Amino acid sequence: MIAPRPVVLEGRGVRLEPLAREHAPALEDAAADGRLWELWYTSVPAPGEALAWIEQALAGQKEGHMLAWAVRELSSDRIVGSTRYHDIVAAADRVEIGWTWYAARWQRTHVNTACKLLLFAHAFEALGCKVVGLRTDGFNFRSQRAIEALGAKKDGVLRHHALRRDGSVRDTVIYSVLAGEWPDVKRHLELRLARHATD
């Protein structure tokens, strides 16, 4: 049975720092780059809400179903977003990766691929997960393309599944990577990062 605990993960130009209250101002700055809270299909803290957003994540961590990080881009030494394991099912050796967002200027850069490589590697190689899931809003087409580009397989769509921040109900698109698929996914992500480094 897996036992996820707060840990620093670093490599490929990013460092994932266990989410803490001290990250609130930097996360507000990151969310302001692109006014990300205005995207109705995402969960990004609006101005003045970062601390409460962090408290919610820490409560989920205490309850054992969530483990969150702030994302630091090392060349700039700036906090550029956040990501987390969620819907952790320890008895089934399963985590999901989600609640991921980045400041607009760091989208479509090395940051997301580097973070996913760190999170998948930690899940499969350190924790011993059998599967890592990912999910996104049915209207978050950019996220769906990004998840598919990682090499995750689409499991299906849960219709009328979960509430959005505005009270509307979303369809949820579910993806996963199995432990047996991880070596090929790892090779794919490393190749993407190597290509980015030569661009």
Protein backbone atom coordinates (compact mmCIF):
# COMPACT_ATOMS: atom_id res chain seq x y z
CA MET A 1 0.00 0.00 0.00
CA ILE A 2 1.42 3.38 -1.03
CA ALA A 3 2.11 6.09 1.55
CA PRO A 4 2.54 9.48 -0.15
CA ARG A 5 4.20 12.13 2.01
CA PRO A 6 5.42 15.68 1.38
CA VAL A 7 8.72 15.65 -0.49
CA VAL A 8 10.73 18.02 -2.67
CA LEU A 9 11.00 16.82 -6.28
CA GLU A 10 13.55 18.51 -8.52
CA GLY A 11 14.86 18.07 -12.02
CA ARG A 12 14.76 19.30 -15.61
CA GLY A 13 14.63 22.95 -14.57
CA VAL A 14 11.80 22.80 -12.04
CA ARG A 15 11.44 22.14 -8.34
CA LEU A 16 8.19 20.94 -6.78
CA GLU A 17 8.05 22.29 -3.23
CA PRO A 18 5.48 20.93 -0.75
CA LEU A 19 2.70 23.50 -0.79
CA ALA A 20 2.78 25.81 2.22
CA ARG A 21 0.96 28.93 3.37
CA GLU A 22 4.09 30.95 2.59
CA HIS A 23 3.52 30.27 -1.11
CA ALA A 24 0.29 32.31 -1.17
CA PRO A 25 1.69 35.66 -2.43
CA ALA A 26 3.77 34.01 -5.15
CA LEU A 27 0.82 31.89 -6.29
CA GLU A 28 -1.36 35.01 -6.52
CA ASP A 29 1.30 36.62 -8.71
CA ALA A 30 1.47 33.53 -10.92
CA ALA A 31 -2.31 33.33 -11.30
CA ALA A 32 -2.40 37.03 -12.25
CA ASP A 33 -0.25 36.24 -15.30
CA GLY A 34 -3.12 35.48 -17.65
CA ARG A 35 -5.90 36.16 -15.10
CA LEU A 36 -6.23 32.39 -14.83
CA TRP A 37 -9.10 32.48 -12.33
CA GLU A 38 -11.31 33.75 -15.17
CA LEU A 39 -11.13 30.33 -16.87
CA TRP A 40 -14.46 28.89 -15.75
CA TYR A 41 -13.37 25.29 -16.21
CA THR A 42 -10.30 25.42 -13.93
CA SER A 43 -9.62 25.69 -10.18
CA VAL A 44 -7.16 28.58 -9.89
CA PRO A 45 -7.28 30.92 -6.87
CA ALA A 46 -8.72 34.37 -7.56
CA PRO A 47 -7.12 37.48 -6.05
CA GLY A 48 -7.22 37.27 -2.25
CA GLU A 49 -8.13 33.55 -2.29
CA ALA A 50 -4.73 31.84 -2.49
CA LEU A 51 -4.40 31.29 1.24
CA ALA A 52 -7.84 29.64 1.48
CA TRP A 53 -6.99 27.58 -1.61
CA ILE A 54 -3.79 26.40 0.09
CA GLU A 55 -5.64 25.64 3.33
CA GLN A 56 -8.07 23.44 1.38
CA ALA A 57 -5.15 21.54 -0.14
CA LEU A 58 -3.48 21.08 3.26
CA ALA A 59 -6.76 19.81 4.73
CA GLY A 60 -6.92 17.22 1.94
CA GLN A 61 -3.34 16.27 2.70
CA LYS A 62 -4.15 15.79 6.40
CA GLU A 63 -7.11 13.60 5.43
CA GLY A 64 -4.84 11.48 3.25
CA HIS A 65 -6.40 12.00 -0.18
CA MET A 66 -4.27 14.88 -1.49
CA LEU A 67 -0.62 15.97 -1.72
CA ALA A 68 0.10 19.39 -3.24
CA TRP A 69 3.15 21.27 -4.50
CA ALA A 70 4.09 24.76 -5.60
CA VAL A 71 6.03 24.73 -8.88
CA ARG A 72 9.27 26.73 -8.99
CA GLU A 73 10.93 27.36 -12.36
CA LEU A 74 14.62 27.31 -11.52
CA SER A 75 16.10 29.59 -14.20
CA SER A 76 13.89 32.44 -12.98
CA ASP A 77 13.65 31.24 -9.36
CA ARG A 78 9.93 32.05 -9.49
CA ILE A 79 6.86 30.16 -8.34
CA VAL A 80 4.97 29.66 -11.61
CA GLY A 81 2.03 27.49 -10.59
CA SER A 82 0.89 24.47 -8.65
CA THR A 83 0.09 20.79 -9.06
CA ARG A 84 -0.91 17.91 -6.81
CA TYR A 85 -1.73 14.28 -6.32
CA HIS A 86 -5.42 13.94 -5.51
CA ASP A 87 -8.01 11.22 -5.11
CA ILE A 88 -5.28 9.11 -3.55
CA VAL A 89 -6.43 5.53 -2.97
CA ALA A 90 -3.58 4.06 -0.94
CA ALA A 91 -5.05 0.55 -0.76
CA ALA A 92 -5.27 0.41 -4.57
CA ASP A 93 -1.80 1.94 -5.09
CA ARG A 94 -3.38 4.79 -7.09
CA VAL A 95 -2.91 8.53 -7.28
CA GLU A 96 -4.24 11.07 -9.73
CA ILE A 97 -2.32 14.10 -10.95
CA GLY A 98 -4.33 17.27 -11.25
CA TRP A 99 -5.23 20.73 -9.96
CA THR A 100 -2.39 21.77 -12.27
CA TRP A 101 -1.99 25.30 -13.53
CA TYR A 102 0.86 27.56 -14.61
CA ALA A 103 1.28 31.29 -15.18
CA ALA A 104 0.49 32.13 -18.80
CA ARG A 105 4.11 32.80 -19.79
CA TRP A 106 5.14 29.30 -18.66
CA GLN A 107 2.40 27.43 -20.50
CA ARG A 108 3.61 25.44 -23.52
CA THR A 109 7.17 25.45 -22.20
CA HIS A 110 9.30 22.73 -20.58
CA VAL A 111 7.54 23.28 -17.23
CA ASN A 112 4.54 20.98 -17.62
CA THR A 113 6.49 18.11 -19.16
CA ALA A 114 9.20 18.40 -16.48
CA CYS A 115 6.61 18.43 -13.69
CA LYS A 116 4.79 15.42 -15.10
CA LEU A 117 8.04 13.50 -15.44
CA LEU A 118 8.84 14.19 -11.77
CA LEU A 119 5.33 13.30 -10.58
CA PHE A 120 5.05 10.10 -12.62
CA ALA A 121 8.55 8.98 -11.63
CA HIS A 122 7.85 9.58 -7.95
CA ALA A 123 4.52 7.75 -8.18
CA PHE A 124 5.79 4.69 -10.01
CA GLU A 125 9.42 4.44 -8.87
CA ALA A 126 9.32 5.74 -5.28
CA LEU A 127 5.77 5.09 -4.10
CA GLY A 128 5.09 1.91 -6.08
CA CYS A 129 1.85 3.03 -7.72
CA LYS A 130 0.14 0.59 -10.06
CA VAL A 131 -1.68 3.37 -11.92
CA VAL A 132 -1.62 7.15 -12.16
CA GLY A 133 -4.78 8.87 -13.27
CA LEU A 134 -5.44 12.30 -14.73
CA ARG A 135 -8.74 14.06 -15.26
CA THR A 136 -9.98 17.31 -16.72
CA ASP A 137 -13.12 19.24 -17.56
CA GLY A 138 -14.86 18.20 -20.76
CA PHE A 139 -14.49 21.79 -22.00
CA ASN A 140 -10.80 22.10 -21.14
CA PHE A 141 -9.66 21.08 -24.60
CA ARG A 142 -6.12 22.42 -24.09
CA SER A 143 -5.71 20.23 -21.02
CA GLN A 144 -7.05 17.18 -22.86
CA ARG A 145 -4.53 17.69 -25.67
CA ALA A 146 -1.72 18.17 -23.14
CA ILE A 147 -2.63 14.98 -21.26
CA GLU A 148 -2.85 12.96 -24.46
CA ALA A 149 0.53 14.37 -25.56
CA LEU A 150 2.05 12.93 -22.36
CA GLY A 151 1.13 9.44 -23.51
CA ALA A 152 -1.77 8.81 -21.11
CA LYS A 153 -4.65 6.66 -22.36
CA LYS A 154 -8.22 7.96 -22.31
CA ASP A 155 -10.37 5.81 -20.04
CA GLY A 156 -13.64 7.59 -20.78
CA VAL A 157 -15.97 10.42 -19.87
CA LEU A 158 -18.02 10.69 -16.69
CA ARG A 159 -21.12 12.63 -17.73
CA HIS A 160 -22.63 15.27 -15.42
CA HIS A 161 -19.96 14.38 -12.88
CA ALA A 162 -18.74 17.29 -10.74
CA LEU A 163 -19.50 20.87 -9.79
CA ARG A 164 -17.46 23.72 -11.16
CA ARG A 165 -16.68 26.82 -9.10
CA ASP A 166 -19.57 28.69 -10.71
CA GLY A 167 -22.09 25.98 -9.71
CA SER A 168 -22.46 24.47 -13.18
CA VAL A 169 -21.88 20.75 -13.60
CA ARG A 170 -19.11 19.42 -15.79
CA ASP A 171 -18.40 16.26 -17.70
CA THR A 172 -15.04 14.81 -16.56
CA VAL A 173 -12.60 13.23 -19.01
CA ILE A 174 -10.52 10.49 -17.35
CA TYR A 175 -7.06 9.29 -18.41
CA SER A 176 -4.49 6.94 -16.92
CA VAL A 177 -1.00 5.48 -17.20
CA LEU A 178 -0.43 1.95 -15.89
CA ALA A 179 2.80 0.88 -14.23
CA GLY A 180 3.61 -1.37 -17.18
CA GLU A 181 3.28 1.60 -19.55
CA TRP A 182 5.54 3.85 -17.50
CA PRO A 183 8.89 2.90 -19.15
CA ASP A 184 7.61 3.96 -22.58
CA VAL A 185 5.91 7.09 -21.22
CA LYS A 186 9.13 7.99 -19.38
CA ARG A 187 11.18 7.59 -22.56
CA HIS A 188 8.67 9.76 -24.43
CA LEU A 189 8.74 12.55 -21.82
CA GLU A 190 12.54 12.54 -21.65
CA LEU A 191 12.70 12.82 -25.44
CA ARG A 192 10.28 15.76 -25.41
CA LEU A 193 12.43 17.55 -22.85
CA ALA A 194 15.61 16.83 -24.80
CA ARG A 195 14.04 18.28 -27.94
CA HIS A 196 12.92 21.36 -26.01
CA ALA A 197 16.45 21.88 -24.71
CA THR A 198 17.81 22.03 -28.28
CA ASP A 199 15.11 24.39 -29.63
